[in-house]
């Protein structure tokens, strides 16, 4: 036998923090519903607040942890990636002294080659 949501009556005092909506009716009468199920102790709202305190059994329980990352965890990861990128770019970049020394060696090699060619051909370098 299948039951639908309409076949299951609401617990007494449902919802506990507000009055039932207008026209809200359960499929059975309230007296028949109370006889069909055991009585449930419904806590009374705290005076002046309208907020129902948690049940004693639920007080010690913690909510199930949800998956995902917190904002601070994501910010730490982004900061680590940024630091790694900065260090890598500084390590891979040629400094100006090394570039100047390499260009000076290249120029010296070109001048030595030109001098050797001029001696071989007997043509003075101008």
PDB file of N, CA and C in Angstrom:
ATOM      1  N   UNK A   1       0.849  -1.177   0.000  1.00  0.00           N
ATOM      2  CA  UNK A   1       0.000   0.000   0.000  1.00  0.00           C
ATOM      3  C   UNK A   1       0.893   1.239   0.000  1.00  0.00           C
ATOM      4  N   UNK A   2       0.645   2.136  -0.897  1.00  0.00           N
ATOM      5  CA  UNK A   2       1.456   3.346  -1.009  1.00  0.00           C
ATOM      6  C   UNK A   2       0.789   4.487  -0.259  1.00  0.00           C
ATOM      7  N   UNK A   3       1.598   5.282   0.370  1.00  0.00           N
ATOM      8  CA  UNK A   3       1.114   6.461   1.061  1.00  0.00           C
ATOM      9  C   UNK A   3       1.636   7.689   0.349  1.00  0.00           C
ATOM     10  N   UNK A   4       0.837   8.700   0.306  1.00  0.00           N
ATOM     11  CA  UNK A   4       1.303   9.976  -0.232  1.00  0.00           C
ATOM     12  C   UNK A   4       1.539  10.918   0.946  1.00  0.00           C
ATOM     13  N   UNK A   5       2.079  12.060   0.663  1.00  0.00           N
ATOM     14  CA  UNK A   5       2.356  13.046   1.709  1.00  0.00           C
ATOM     15  C   UNK A   5       1.055  13.499   2.387  1.00  0.00           C
ATOM     16  N   UNK A   6      -0.017  13.484   1.650  1.00  0.00           N
ATOM     17  CA  UNK A   6      -1.306  13.916   2.239  1.00  0.00           C
ATOM     18  C   UNK A   6      -1.844  12.910   3.245  1.00  0.00           C
ATOM     19  N   UNK A   7      -1.454  11.609   3.109  1.00  0.00           N
ATOM     20  CA  UNK A   7      -1.944  10.583   4.020  1.00  0.00           C
ATOM     21  C   UNK A   7      -1.255  10.632   5.382  1.00  0.00           C
ATOM     22  N   UNK A   8      -0.093  11.278   5.460  1.00  0.00           N
ATOM     23  CA  UNK A   8       0.647  11.335   6.709  1.00  0.00           C
ATOM     24  C   UNK A   8       0.281  12.626   7.429  1.00  0.00           C
ATOM     25  N   UNK A   9      -0.319  12.525   8.606  1.00  0.00           N
ATOM     26  CA  UNK A   9      -0.724  13.751   9.307  1.00  0.00           C
ATOM     27  C   UNK A   9       0.483  14.478   9.881  1.00  0.00           C
ATOM     28  N   UNK A  10       0.341  15.769  10.046  1.00  0.00           N
ATOM     29  CA  UNK A  10       1.392  16.580  10.646  1.00  0.00           C
ATOM     30  C   UNK A  10       1.482  16.272  12.136  1.00  0.00           C
ATOM     31  N   UNK A  11       2.685  16.377  12.732  1.00  0.00           N
ATOM     32  CA  UNK A  11       2.799  16.162  14.170  1.00  0.00           C
ATOM     33  C   UNK A  11       2.045  17.252  14.929  1.00  0.00           C
ATOM     34  N   UNK A  12       1.659  16.978  16.164  1.00  0.00           N
ATOM     35  CA  UNK A  12       0.900  17.980  16.914  1.00  0.00           C
ATOM     36  C   UNK A  12       1.723  19.253  17.104  1.00  0.00           C
ATOM     37  N   UNK A  13       1.089  20.361  16.908  1.00  0.00           N
ATOM     38  CA  UNK A  13       1.747  21.643  17.087  1.00  0.00           C
ATOM     39  C   UNK A  13       2.621  22.027  15.904  1.00  0.00           C
ATOM     40  N   UNK A  14       2.483  21.351  14.749  1.00  0.00           N
ATOM     41  CA  UNK A  14       3.315  21.644  13.570  1.00  0.00           C
ATOM     42  C   UNK A  14       2.860  22.917  12.927  1.00  0.00           C
ATOM     43  N   UNK A  15       3.700  23.749  12.394  1.00  0.00           N
ATOM     44  CA  UNK A  15       5.079  23.946  12.827  1.00  0.00           C
ATOM     45  C   UNK A  15       5.069  24.626  14.176  1.00  0.00           C
ATOM     46  N   UNK A  16       6.073  24.349  14.992  1.00  0.00           N
ATOM     47  CA  UNK A  16       6.063  24.771  16.382  1.00  0.00           C
ATOM     48  C   UNK A  16       6.247  26.259  16.568  1.00  0.00           C
ATOM     49  N   UNK A  17       6.890  26.928  15.642  1.00  0.00           N
ATOM     50  CA  UNK A  17       7.215  28.338  15.840  1.00  0.00           C
ATOM     51  C   UNK A  17       6.195  29.298  15.240  1.00  0.00           C
ATOM     52  N   UNK A  18       5.177  28.790  14.560  1.00  0.00           N
ATOM     53  CA  UNK A  18       4.174  29.700  13.997  1.00  0.00           C
ATOM     54  C   UNK A  18       2.825  28.999  13.938  1.00  0.00           C
ATOM     55  N   UNK A  19       1.799  29.760  13.708  1.00  0.00           N
ATOM     56  CA  UNK A  19       0.454  29.213  13.619  1.00  0.00           C
ATOM     57  C   UNK A  19       0.284  28.528  12.266  1.00  0.00           C
ATOM     58  N   UNK A  20      -0.605  27.504  12.176  1.00  0.00           N
ATOM     59  CA  UNK A  20      -0.808  26.845  10.884  1.00  0.00           C
ATOM     60  C   UNK A  20      -1.429  27.814   9.881  1.00  0.00           C
ATOM     61  N   UNK A  21      -1.121  27.638   8.597  1.00  0.00           N
ATOM     62  CA  UNK A  21      -1.689  28.529   7.589  1.00  0.00           C
ATOM     63  C   UNK A  21      -3.201  28.394   7.532  1.00  0.00           C
ATOM     64  N   UNK A  22      -3.845  29.411   7.029  1.00  0.00           N
ATOM     65  CA  UNK A  22      -5.309  29.391   6.925  1.00  0.00           C
ATOM     66  C   UNK A  22      -5.736  28.275   5.985  1.00  0.00           C
ATOM     67  N   UNK A  23      -6.760  27.556   6.352  1.00  0.00           N
ATOM     68  CA  UNK A  23      -7.281  26.480   5.524  1.00  0.00           C
ATOM     69  C   UNK A  23      -6.478  25.198   5.625  1.00  0.00           C
ATOM     70  N   UNK A  24      -5.522  25.132   6.561  1.00  0.00           N
ATOM     71  CA  UNK A  24      -4.695  23.940   6.709  1.00  0.00           C
ATOM     72  C   UNK A  24      -5.506  22.881   7.431  1.00  0.00           C
ATOM     73  N   UNK A  25      -5.705  21.754   6.800  1.00  0.00           N
ATOM     74  CA  UNK A  25      -6.439  20.662   7.421  1.00  0.00           C
ATOM     75  C   UNK A  25      -5.672  19.364   7.196  1.00  0.00           C
ATOM     76  N   UNK A  26      -5.677  18.514   8.201  1.00  0.00           N
ATOM     77  CA  UNK A  26      -5.060  17.205   8.044  1.00  0.00           C
ATOM     78  C   UNK A  26      -6.117  16.235   7.541  1.00  0.00           C
ATOM     79  N   UNK A  27      -5.725  15.127   6.907  1.00  0.00           N
ATOM     80  CA  UNK A  27      -6.719  14.196   6.384  1.00  0.00           C
ATOM     81  C   UNK A  27      -7.586  13.572   7.473  1.00  0.00           C
ATOM     82  N   UNK A  28      -7.016  13.390   8.673  1.00  0.00           N
ATOM     83  CA  UNK A  28      -7.779  12.827   9.782  1.00  0.00           C
ATOM     84  C   UNK A  28      -8.090  13.931  10.781  1.00  0.00           C
ATOM     85  N   UNK A  29      -8.995  13.680  11.637  1.00  0.00           N
ATOM     86  CA  UNK A  29      -9.265  14.662  12.685  1.00  0.00           C
ATOM     87  C   UNK A  29      -8.116  14.647  13.682  1.00  0.00           C
ATOM     88  N   UNK A  30      -7.979  15.700  14.440  1.00  0.00           N
ATOM     89  CA  UNK A  30      -6.878  15.811  15.408  1.00  0.00           C
ATOM     90  C   UNK A  30      -6.963  14.706  16.448  1.00  0.00           C
ATOM     91  N   UNK A  31      -8.136  14.372  16.920  1.00  0.00           N
ATOM     92  CA  UNK A  31      -8.287  13.321  17.936  1.00  0.00           C
ATOM     93  C   UNK A  31      -7.875  11.966  17.369  1.00  0.00           C
ATOM     94  N   UNK A  32      -8.252  11.665  16.132  1.00  0.00           N
ATOM     95  CA  UNK A  32      -7.885  10.387  15.530  1.00  0.00           C
ATOM     96  C   UNK A  32      -6.380  10.322  15.292  1.00  0.00           C
ATOM     97  N   UNK A  33      -5.777  11.436  14.927  1.00  0.00           N
ATOM     98  CA  UNK A  33      -4.337  11.473  14.694  1.00  0.00           C
ATOM     99  C   UNK A  33      -3.575  11.241  15.996  1.00  0.00           C
ATOM    100  N   UNK A  34      -4.060  11.794  17.113  1.00  0.00           N
ATOM    101  CA  UNK A  34      -3.389  11.614  18.391  1.00  0.00           C
ATOM    102  C   UNK A  34      -3.492  10.178  18.880  1.00  0.00           C
ATOM    103  N   UNK A  35      -4.595   9.505  18.565  1.00  0.00           N
ATOM    104  CA  UNK A  35      -4.751   8.114  18.962  1.00  0.00           C
ATOM    105  C   UNK A  35      -3.895   7.192  18.100  1.00  0.00           C
ATOM    106  N   UNK A  36      -3.668   7.555  16.853  1.00  0.00           N
ATOM    107  CA  UNK A  36      -2.950   6.690  15.928  1.00  0.00           C
ATOM    108  C   UNK A  36      -1.443   6.690  16.172  1.00  0.00           C
ATOM    109  N   UNK A  37      -0.900   7.681  16.794  1.00  0.00           N
ATOM    110  CA  UNK A  37       0.554   7.742  17.018  1.00  0.00           C
ATOM    111  C   UNK A  37       0.840   8.101  18.478  1.00  0.00           C
ATOM    112  N   UNK A  38       2.050   7.770  18.929  1.00  0.00           N
ATOM    113  CA  UNK A  38       2.388   8.123  20.312  1.00  0.00           C
ATOM    114  C   UNK A  38       2.543   9.632  20.458  1.00  0.00           C
ATOM    115  N   UNK A  39       2.357  10.087  21.658  1.00  0.00           N
ATOM    116  CA  UNK A  39       2.447  11.522  21.919  1.00  0.00           C
ATOM    117  C   UNK A  39       3.903  11.978  21.804  1.00  0.00           C
ATOM    118  N   UNK A  40       4.108  13.134  21.201  1.00  0.00           N
ATOM    119  CA  UNK A  40       5.437  13.716  21.052  1.00  0.00           C
ATOM    120  C   UNK A  40       5.496  14.945  21.944  1.00  0.00           C
ATOM    121  N   UNK A  41       6.555  15.017  22.756  1.00  0.00           N
ATOM    122  CA  UNK A  41       6.703  16.179  23.624  1.00  0.00           C
ATOM    123  C   UNK A  41       7.209  17.343  22.788  1.00  0.00           C
ATOM    124  N   UNK A  42       6.403  18.392  22.706  1.00  0.00           N
ATOM    125  CA  UNK A  42       6.767  19.563  21.920  1.00  0.00           C
ATOM    126  C   UNK A  42       7.204  20.657  22.888  1.00  0.00           C
ATOM    127  N   UNK A  43       8.433  21.148  22.750  1.00  0.00           N
ATOM    128  CA  UNK A  43       8.879  22.198  23.665  1.00  0.00           C
ATOM    129  C   UNK A  43       8.126  23.499  23.404  1.00  0.00           C
ATOM    130  N   UNK A  44       7.921  24.233  24.467  1.00  0.00           N
ATOM    131  CA  UNK A  44       7.228  25.514  24.343  1.00  0.00           C
ATOM    132  C   UNK A  44       8.237  26.584  23.925  1.00  0.00           C
ATOM    133  N   UNK A  45       7.781  27.589  23.186  1.00  0.00           N
ATOM    134  CA  UNK A  45       8.702  28.667  22.806  1.00  0.00           C
ATOM    135  C   UNK A  45       9.203  29.412  24.038  1.00  0.00           C
ATOM    136  N   UNK A  46      10.429  29.924  23.934  1.00  0.00           N
ATOM    137  CA  UNK A  46      10.973  30.719  25.024  1.00  0.00           C
ATOM    138  C   UNK A  46      10.125  31.976  25.177  1.00  0.00           C
ATOM    139  N   UNK A  47       9.852  32.410  26.406  1.00  0.00           N
ATOM    140  CA  UNK A  47       8.971  33.558  26.612  1.00  0.00           C
ATOM    141  C   UNK A  47       9.503  34.817  25.922  1.00  0.00           C
ATOM    142  N   UNK A  48       8.645  35.449  25.160  1.00  0.00           N
ATOM    143  CA  UNK A  48       8.969  36.722  24.533  1.00  0.00           C
ATOM    144  C   UNK A  48       9.771  36.611  23.239  1.00  0.00           C
ATOM    145  N   UNK A  49      10.256  35.404  22.902  1.00  0.00           N
ATOM    146  CA  UNK A  49      11.076  35.281  21.686  1.00  0.00           C
ATOM    147  C   UNK A  49      10.347  34.577  20.571  1.00  0.00           C
ATOM    148  N   UNK A  50       9.504  33.621  20.893  1.00  0.00           N
ATOM    149  CA  UNK A  50       8.819  32.847  19.867  1.00  0.00           C
ATOM    150  C   UNK A  50       9.726  31.786  19.259  1.00  0.00           C
ATOM    151  N   UNK A  51      10.928  31.604  19.834  1.00  0.00           N
ATOM    152  CA  UNK A  51      11.872  30.631  19.311  1.00  0.00           C
ATOM    153  C   UNK A  51      11.811  29.377  20.159  1.00  0.00           C
ATOM    154  N   UNK A  52      11.712  28.232  19.499  1.00  0.00           N
ATOM    155  CA  UNK A  52      11.630  26.971  20.212  1.00  0.00           C
ATOM    156  C   UNK A  52      13.047  26.508  20.547  1.00  0.00           C
ATOM    157  N   UNK A  53      13.344  26.203  21.813  1.00  0.00           N
ATOM    158  CA  UNK A  53      14.683  25.708  22.155  1.00  0.00           C
ATOM    159  C   UNK A  53      14.893  24.316  21.569  1.00  0.00           C
ATOM    160  N   UNK A  54      16.127  23.915  21.302  1.00  0.00           N
ATOM    161  CA  UNK A  54      16.371  22.584  20.745  1.00  0.00           C
ATOM    162  C   UNK A  54      16.041  21.511  21.760  1.00  0.00           C
ATOM    163  N   UNK A  55      15.691  20.355  21.255  1.00  0.00           N
ATOM    164  CA  UNK A  55      15.384  19.243  22.142  1.00  0.00           C
ATOM    165  C   UNK A  55      16.662  18.779  22.825  1.00  0.00           C
ATOM    166  N   UNK A  56      16.517  18.143  23.959  1.00  0.00           N
ATOM    167  CA  UNK A  56      17.681  17.677  24.720  1.00  0.00           C
ATOM    168  C   UNK A  56      18.499  16.684  23.909  1.00  0.00           C
ATOM    169  N   UNK A  57      17.852  15.813  23.149  1.00  0.00           N
ATOM    170  CA  UNK A  57      18.580  14.822  22.361  1.00  0.00           C
ATOM    171  C   UNK A  57      19.382  15.482  21.252  1.00  0.00           C
ATOM    172  N   UNK A  58      18.891  16.588  20.711  1.00  0.00           N
ATOM    173  CA  UNK A  58      19.560  17.264  19.603  1.00  0.00           C
ATOM    174  C   UNK A  58      20.622  18.244  20.085  1.00  0.00           C
ATOM    175  N   UNK A  59      20.619  18.585  21.355  1.00  0.00           N
ATOM    176  CA  UNK A  59      21.516  19.619  21.873  1.00  0.00           C
ATOM    177  C   UNK A  59      22.982  19.220  21.731  1.00  0.00           C
ATOM    178  N   UNK A  60      23.319  17.939  21.950  1.00  0.00           N
ATOM    179  CA  UNK A  60      24.702  17.498  21.877  1.00  0.00           C
ATOM    180  C   UNK A  60      25.176  17.208  20.464  1.00  0.00           C
ATOM    181  N   UNK A  61      24.269  17.070  19.523  1.00  0.00           N
ATOM    182  CA  UNK A  61      24.644  16.729  18.149  1.00  0.00           C
ATOM    183  C   UNK A  61      25.182  17.934  17.413  1.00  0.00           C
ATOM    184  N   UNK A  62      26.090  17.660  16.522  1.00  0.00           N
ATOM    185  CA  UNK A  62      26.585  18.714  15.633  1.00  0.00           C
ATOM    186  C   UNK A  62      26.030  18.460  14.252  1.00  0.00           C
ATOM    187  N   UNK A  63      25.918  19.524  13.499  1.00  0.00           N
ATOM    188  CA  UNK A  63      25.442  19.376  12.129  1.00  0.00           C
ATOM    189  C   UNK A  63      26.489  18.615  11.325  1.00  0.00           C
ATOM    190  N   UNK A  64      26.034  17.852  10.356  1.00  0.00           N
ATOM    191  CA  UNK A  64      26.952  17.092   9.506  1.00  0.00           C
ATOM    192  C   UNK A  64      27.817  18.068   8.713  1.00  0.00           C
ATOM    193  N   UNK A  65      29.109  17.807   8.643  1.00  0.00           N
ATOM    194  CA  UNK A  65      29.979  18.723   7.901  1.00  0.00           C
ATOM    195  C   UNK A  65      29.631  18.708   6.417  1.00  0.00           C
ATOM    196  N   UNK A  66      29.655  19.877   5.826  1.00  0.00           N
ATOM    197  CA  UNK A  66      29.355  19.983   4.410  1.00  0.00           C
ATOM    198  C   UNK A  66      30.654  19.984   3.634  1.00  0.00           C
ATOM    199  N   UNK A  67      30.599  19.506   2.406  1.00  0.00           N
ATOM    200  CA  UNK A  67      31.781  19.483   1.558  1.00  0.00           C
ATOM    201  C   UNK A  67      32.094  20.878   1.057  1.00  0.00           C
ATOM    202  N   UNK A  68      33.333  21.062   0.574  1.00  0.00           N
ATOM    203  CA  UNK A  68      33.720  22.349   0.028  1.00  0.00           C
ATOM    204  C   UNK A  68      34.843  22.974   0.829  1.00  0.00           C
ATOM    205  N   UNK A  69      35.242  24.156   0.406  1.00  0.00           N
ATOM    206  CA  UNK A  69      36.349  24.863   1.023  1.00  0.00           C
ATOM    207  C   UNK A  69      35.856  26.188   1.591  1.00  0.00           C
ATOM    208  N   UNK A  70      36.503  26.623   2.636  1.00  0.00           N
ATOM    209  CA  UNK A  70      36.169  27.928   3.199  1.00  0.00           C
ATOM    210  C   UNK A  70      36.917  28.994   2.414  1.00  0.00           C
ATOM    211  N   UNK A  71      36.492  30.219   2.586  1.00  0.00           N
ATOM    212  CA  UNK A  71      37.107  31.331   1.877  1.00  0.00           C
ATOM    213  C   UNK A  71      38.568  31.487   2.271  1.00  0.00           C
ATOM    214  N   UNK A  72      38.893  31.315   3.533  1.00  0.00           N
ATOM    215  CA  UNK A  72      40.279  31.475   3.976  1.00  0.00           C
ATOM    216  C   UNK A  72      41.163  30.405   3.364  1.00  0.00           C
ATOM    217  N   UNK A  73      40.674  29.189   3.223  1.00  0.00           N
ATOM    218  CA  UNK A  73      41.457  28.130   2.583  1.00  0.00           C
ATOM    219  C   UNK A  73      41.750  28.482   1.127  1.00  0.00           C
ATOM    220  N   UNK A  74      40.770  28.982   0.426  1.00  0.00           N
ATOM    221  CA  UNK A  74      40.983  29.373  -0.968  1.00  0.00           C
ATOM    222  C   UNK A  74      41.964  30.528  -1.076  1.00  0.00           C
ATOM    223  N   UNK A  75      41.883  31.486  -0.155  1.00  0.00           N
ATOM    224  CA  UNK A  75      42.815  32.617  -0.190  1.00  0.00           C
ATOM    225  C   UNK A  75      44.244  32.166   0.091  1.00  0.00           C
ATOM    226  N   UNK A  76      44.436  31.213   0.997  1.00  0.00           N
ATOM    227  CA  UNK A  76      45.772  30.694   1.285  1.00  0.00           C
ATOM    228  C   UNK A  76      46.346  30.004   0.053  1.00  0.00           C
ATOM    229  N   UNK A  77      45.534  29.225  -0.637  1.00  0.00           N
ATOM    230  CA  UNK A  77      46.001  28.538  -1.844  1.00  0.00           C
ATOM    231  C   UNK A  77      46.394  29.549  -2.915  1.00  0.00           C
ATOM    232  N   UNK A  78      45.577  30.579  -3.121  1.00  0.00           N
ATOM    233  CA  UNK A  78      45.901  31.608  -4.118  1.00  0.00           C
ATOM    234  C   UNK A  78      47.194  32.329  -3.744  1.00  0.00           C
ATOM    235  N   UNK A  79      47.412  32.621  -2.466  1.00  0.00           N
ATOM    236  CA  UNK A  79      48.641  33.289  -2.032  1.00  0.00           C
ATOM    237  C   UNK A  79      49.865  32.398  -2.269  1.00  0.00           C
ATOM    238  N   UNK A  80      49.748  31.120  -2.009  1.00  0.00           N
ATOM    239  CA  UNK A  80      50.863  30.199  -2.246  1.00  0.00           C
ATOM    240  C   UNK A  80      51.191  30.124  -3.732  1.00  0.00           C
ATOM    241  N   UNK A  81      50.178  30.065  -4.573  1.00  0.00           N
ATOM    242  CA  UNK A  81      50.407  30.028  -6.018  1.00  0.00           C
ATOM    243  C   UNK A  81      51.060  31.326  -6.487  1.00  0.00           C
ATOM    244  N   UNK A  82      50.628  32.456  -5.961  1.00  0.00           N
ATOM    245  CA  UNK A  82      51.217  33.747  -6.348  1.00  0.00           C
ATOM    246  C   UNK A  82      52.689  33.816  -5.935  1.00  0.00           C
ATOM    247  N   UNK A  83      53.026  33.361  -4.725  1.00  0.00           N
ATOM    248  CA  UNK A  83      54.420  33.367  -4.287  1.00  0.00           C
ATOM    249  C   UNK A  83      55.279  32.449  -5.149  1.00  0.00           C
ATOM    250  N   UNK A  84      54.772  31.284  -5.478  1.00  0.00           N
ATOM    251  CA  UNK A  84      55.508  30.356  -6.336  1.00  0.00           C
ATOM    252  C   UNK A  84      55.745  30.923  -7.723  1.00  0.00           C
ATOM    253  N   UNK A  85      54.753  31.598  -8.272  1.00  0.00           N
ATOM    254  CA  UNK A  85      54.894  32.226  -9.585  1.00  0.00           C
ATOM    255  C   UNK A  85      55.923  33.343  -9.543  1.00  0.00           C
ATOM    256  N   UNK A  86      55.919  34.150  -8.492  1.00  0.00           N
ATOM    257  CA  UNK A  86      56.880  35.249  -8.371  1.00  0.00           C
ATOM    258  C   UNK A  86      58.310  34.716  -8.265  1.00  0.00           C
ATOM    259  N   UNK A  87      58.516  33.690  -7.469  1.00  0.00           N
ATOM    260  CA  UNK A  87      59.854  33.117  -7.316  1.00  0.00           C
ATOM    261  C   UNK A  87      60.326  32.513  -8.633  1.00  0.00           C
ATOM    262  N   UNK A  88      59.441  31.810  -9.336  1.00  0.00           N
ATOM    263  CA  UNK A  88      59.820  31.192 -10.609  1.00  0.00           C
ATOM    264  C   UNK A  88      60.155  32.246 -11.658  1.00  0.00           C
ATOM    265  N   UNK A  89      59.387  33.330 -11.709  1.00  0.00           N
ATOM    266  CA  UNK A  89      59.668  34.363 -12.714  1.00  0.00           C
ATOM    267  C   UNK A  89      60.986  35.080 -12.416  1.00  0.00           C
ATOM    268  N   UNK A  90      61.319  35.280 -11.144  1.00  0.00           N
ATOM    269  CA  UNK A  90      62.599  35.900 -10.797  1.00  0.00           C
ATOM    270  C   UNK A  90      63.771  34.970 -11.096  1.00  0.00           C
ATOM    271  N   UNK A  91      63.570  33.679 -10.889  1.00  0.00           N
ATOM    272  CA  UNK A  91      64.641  32.721 -11.130  1.00  0.00           C
ATOM    273  C   UNK A  91      64.890  32.531 -12.626  1.00  0.00           C
ATOM    274  N   UNK A  92      63.874  32.613 -13.440  1.00  0.00           N
ATOM    275  CA  UNK A  92      64.024  32.376 -14.875  1.00  0.00           C
ATOM    276  C   UNK A  92      64.450  33.619 -15.646  1.00  0.00           C
ATOM    277  N   UNK A  93      64.247  34.776 -15.102  1.00  0.00           N
ATOM    278  CA  UNK A  93      64.570  36.011 -15.815  1.00  0.00           C
ATOM    279  C   UNK A  93      66.073  36.261 -15.773  1.00  0.00           C
ATOM    280  N   UNK A  94      66.652  36.650 -16.935  1.00  0.00           N
ATOM    281  CA  UNK A  94      68.078  36.996 -16.990  1.00  0.00           C
ATOM    282  C   UNK A  94      68.268  38.363 -16.358  1.00  0.00           C
ATOM    283  N   UNK A  95      69.294  38.469 -15.548  1.00  0.00           N
ATOM    284  CA  UNK A  95      69.560  39.793 -14.990  1.00  0.00           C
ATOM    285  C   UNK A  95      70.368  40.609 -16.008  1.00  0.00           C
ATOM    286  N   UNK A  96      70.393  41.896 -15.855  1.00  0.00           N
ATOM    287  CA  UNK A  96      71.002  42.789 -16.848  1.00  0.00           C
ATOM    288  C   UNK A  96      72.499  42.565 -16.977  1.00  0.00           C
ATOM    289  N   UNK A  97      73.196  42.244 -15.920  1.00  0.00           N
ATOM    290  CA  UNK A  97      74.642  42.001 -15.963  1.00  0.00           C
ATOM    291  C   UNK A  97      74.986  40.809 -16.836  1.00  0.00           C
ATOM    292  N   UNK A  98      74.192  39.730 -16.724  1.00  0.00           N
ATOM    293  CA  UNK A  98      74.457  38.530 -17.520  1.00  0.00           C
ATOM    294  C   UNK A  98      74.207  38.818 -18.999  1.00  0.00           C
ATOM    295  N   UNK A  99      73.159  39.572 -19.311  1.00  0.00           N
ATOM    296  CA  UNK A  99      72.856  39.922 -20.704  1.00  0.00           C
ATOM    297  C   UNK A  99      73.979  40.780 -21.282  1.00  0.00           C
ATOM    298  N   UNK A 100      74.463  41.753 -20.533  1.00  0.00           N
ATOM    299  CA  UNK A 100      75.537  42.635 -21.006  1.00  0.00           C
ATOM    300  C   UNK A 100      76.828  41.853 -21.218  1.00  0.00           C
ATOM    301  N   UNK A 101      77.166  40.936 -20.298  1.00  0.00           N
ATOM    302  CA  UNK A 101      78.383  40.129 -20.447  1.00  0.00           C
ATOM    303  C   UNK A 101      78.287  39.219 -21.667  1.00  0.00           C
ATOM    304  N   UNK A 102      77.119  38.627 -21.905  1.00  0.00           N
ATOM    305  CA  UNK A 102      76.939  37.760 -23.074  1.00  0.00           C
ATOM    306  C   UNK A 102      77.077  38.541 -24.370  1.00  0.00           C
ATOM    307  N   UNK A 103      76.490  39.755 -24.438  1.00  0.00           N
ATOM    308  CA  UNK A 103      76.606  40.595 -25.635  1.00  0.00           C
ATOM    309  C   UNK A 103      78.052  41.052 -25.863  1.00  0.00           C
ATOM    310  N   UNK A 104      78.792  41.330 -24.790  1.00  0.00           N
ATOM    311  CA  UNK A 104      80.191  41.745 -24.924  1.00  0.00           C
ATOM    312  C   UNK A 104      81.036  40.609 -25.481  1.00  0.00           C
ATOM    313  N   UNK A 105      80.806  39.381 -25.021  1.00  0.00           N
ATOM    314  CA  UNK A 105      81.537  38.230 -25.551  1.00  0.00           C
ATOM    315  C   UNK A 105      81.215  37.996 -27.019  1.00  0.00           C
ATOM    316  N   UNK A 106      79.964  38.178 -27.391  1.00  0.00           N
ATOM    317  CA  UNK A 106      79.559  38.016 -28.794  1.00  0.00           C
ATOM    318  C   UNK A 106      80.257  39.061 -29.675  1.00  0.00           C
ATOM    319  N   UNK A 107      80.283  40.317 -29.234  1.00  0.00           N
ATOM    320  CA  UNK A 107      80.946  41.388 -29.993  1.00  0.00           C
ATOM    321  C   UNK A 107      82.443  41.117 -30.126  1.00  0.00           C
ATOM    322  N   UNK A 108      83.074  40.643 -29.057  1.00  0.00           N
ATOM    323  CA  UNK A 108      84.504  40.325 -29.112  1.00  0.00           C
ATOM    324  C   UNK A 108      84.767  39.213 -30.113  1.00  0.00           C
ATOM    325  N   UNK A 109      83.898  38.207 -30.146  1.00  0.00           N
ATOM    326  CA  UNK A 109      84.059  37.106 -31.099  1.00  0.00           C
ATOM    327  C   UNK A 109      83.880  37.607 -32.533  1.00  0.00           C
ATOM    328  N   UNK A 110      82.924  38.507 -32.779  1.00  0.00           N
ATOM    329  CA  UNK A 110      82.723  39.061 -34.131  1.00  0.00           C
ATOM    330  C   UNK A 110      83.935  39.890 -34.569  1.00  0.00           C
ATOM    331  N   UNK A 111      84.502  40.711 -33.693  1.00  0.00           N
ATOM    332  CA  UNK A 111      85.668  41.526 -34.033  1.00  0.00           C
ATOM    333  C   UNK A 111      86.897  40.645 -34.304  1.00  0.00           C
ATOM    334  N   UNK A 112      87.071  39.590 -33.538  1.00  0.00           N
ATOM    335  CA  UNK A 112      88.187  38.671 -33.759  1.00  0.00           C
ATOM    336  C   UNK A 112      88.047  37.975 -35.108  1.00  0.00           C
ATOM    337  N   UNK A 113      86.804  37.598 -35.466  1.00  0.00           N
ATOM    338  CA  UNK A 113      86.545  36.976 -36.755  1.00  0.00           C
ATOM    339  C   UNK A 113      86.832  37.941 -37.902  1.00  0.00           C
ATOM    340  N   UNK A 114      86.426  39.211 -37.764  1.00  0.00           N
ATOM    341  CA  UNK A 114      86.673  40.215 -38.808  1.00  0.00           C
ATOM    342  C   UNK A 114      88.172  40.448 -38.970  1.00  0.00           C
ATOM    343  N   UNK A 115      88.928  40.487 -37.895  1.00  0.00           N
ATOM    344  CA  UNK A 115      90.376  40.690 -37.960  1.00  0.00           C
ATOM    345  C   UNK A 115      91.063  39.520 -38.682  1.00  0.00           C
ATOM    346  N   UNK A 116      90.601  38.302 -38.378  1.00  0.00           N
ATOM    347  CA  UNK A 116      91.175  37.131 -39.019  1.00  0.00           C
ATOM    348  C   UNK A 116      90.888  37.126 -40.522  1.00  0.00           C
ATOM    349  N   UNK A 117      89.684  37.514 -40.914  1.00  0.00           N
ATOM    350  CA  UNK A 117      89.326  37.562 -42.337  1.00  0.00           C
ATOM    351  C   UNK A 117      90.146  38.643 -43.056  1.00  0.00           C
ATOM    352  N   UNK A 118      90.359  39.800 -42.421  1.00  0.00           N
ATOM    353  CA  UNK A 118      91.103  40.879 -43.075  1.00  0.00           C
ATOM    354  C   UNK A 118      92.571  40.489 -43.264  1.00  0.00           C
ATOM    355  N   UNK A 119      93.177  39.779 -42.310  1.00  0.00           N
ATOM    356  CA  UNK A 119      94.561  39.326 -42.468  1.00  0.00           C
ATOM    357  C   UNK A 119      94.670  38.294 -43.596  1.00  0.00           C
ATOM    358  N   UNK A 120      93.669  37.386 -43.641  1.00  0.00           N
ATOM    359  CA  UNK A 120      93.715  36.363 -44.676  1.00  0.00           C
ATOM    360  C   UNK A 120      93.572  36.949 -46.071  1.00  0.00           C
ATOM    361  N   UNK A 121      92.712  37.953 -46.215  1.00  0.00           N
ATOM    362  CA  UNK A 121      92.459  38.535 -47.517  1.00  0.00           C
ATOM    363  C   UNK A 121      93.431  39.671 -47.833  1.00  0.00           C
ATOM    364  N   UNK A 122      94.162  40.131 -46.882  1.00  0.00           N
ATOM    365  CA  UNK A 122      95.086  41.244 -47.068  1.00  0.00           C
ATOM    366  C   UNK A 122      94.401  42.550 -47.248  1.00  0.00           C
ATOM    367  N   UNK A 123      93.204  42.680 -46.741  1.00  0.00           N
ATOM    368  CA  UNK A 123      92.431  43.920 -46.846  1.00  0.00           C
ATOM    369  C   UNK A 123      92.391  44.558 -45.475  1.00  0.00           C
ATOM    370  N   UNK A 124      92.765  45.831 -45.377  1.00  0.00           N
ATOM    371  CA  UNK A 124      92.705  46.488 -44.065  1.00  0.00           C
ATOM    372  C   UNK A 124      91.266  46.714 -43.597  1.00  0.00           C
ATOM    373  N   UNK A 125      91.030  46.629 -42.344  1.00  0.00           N
ATOM    374  CA  UNK A 125      89.687  46.858 -41.760  1.00  0.00           C
ATOM    375  C   UNK A 125      89.527  48.335 -41.552  1.00  0.00           C
ATOM    376  N   UNK A 126      88.412  48.889 -42.010  1.00  0.00           N
ATOM    377  CA  UNK A 126      88.174  50.329 -41.862  1.00  0.00           C
ATOM    378  C   UNK A 126      87.261  50.607 -40.718  1.00  0.00           C
TER     379      UNK A 126
END
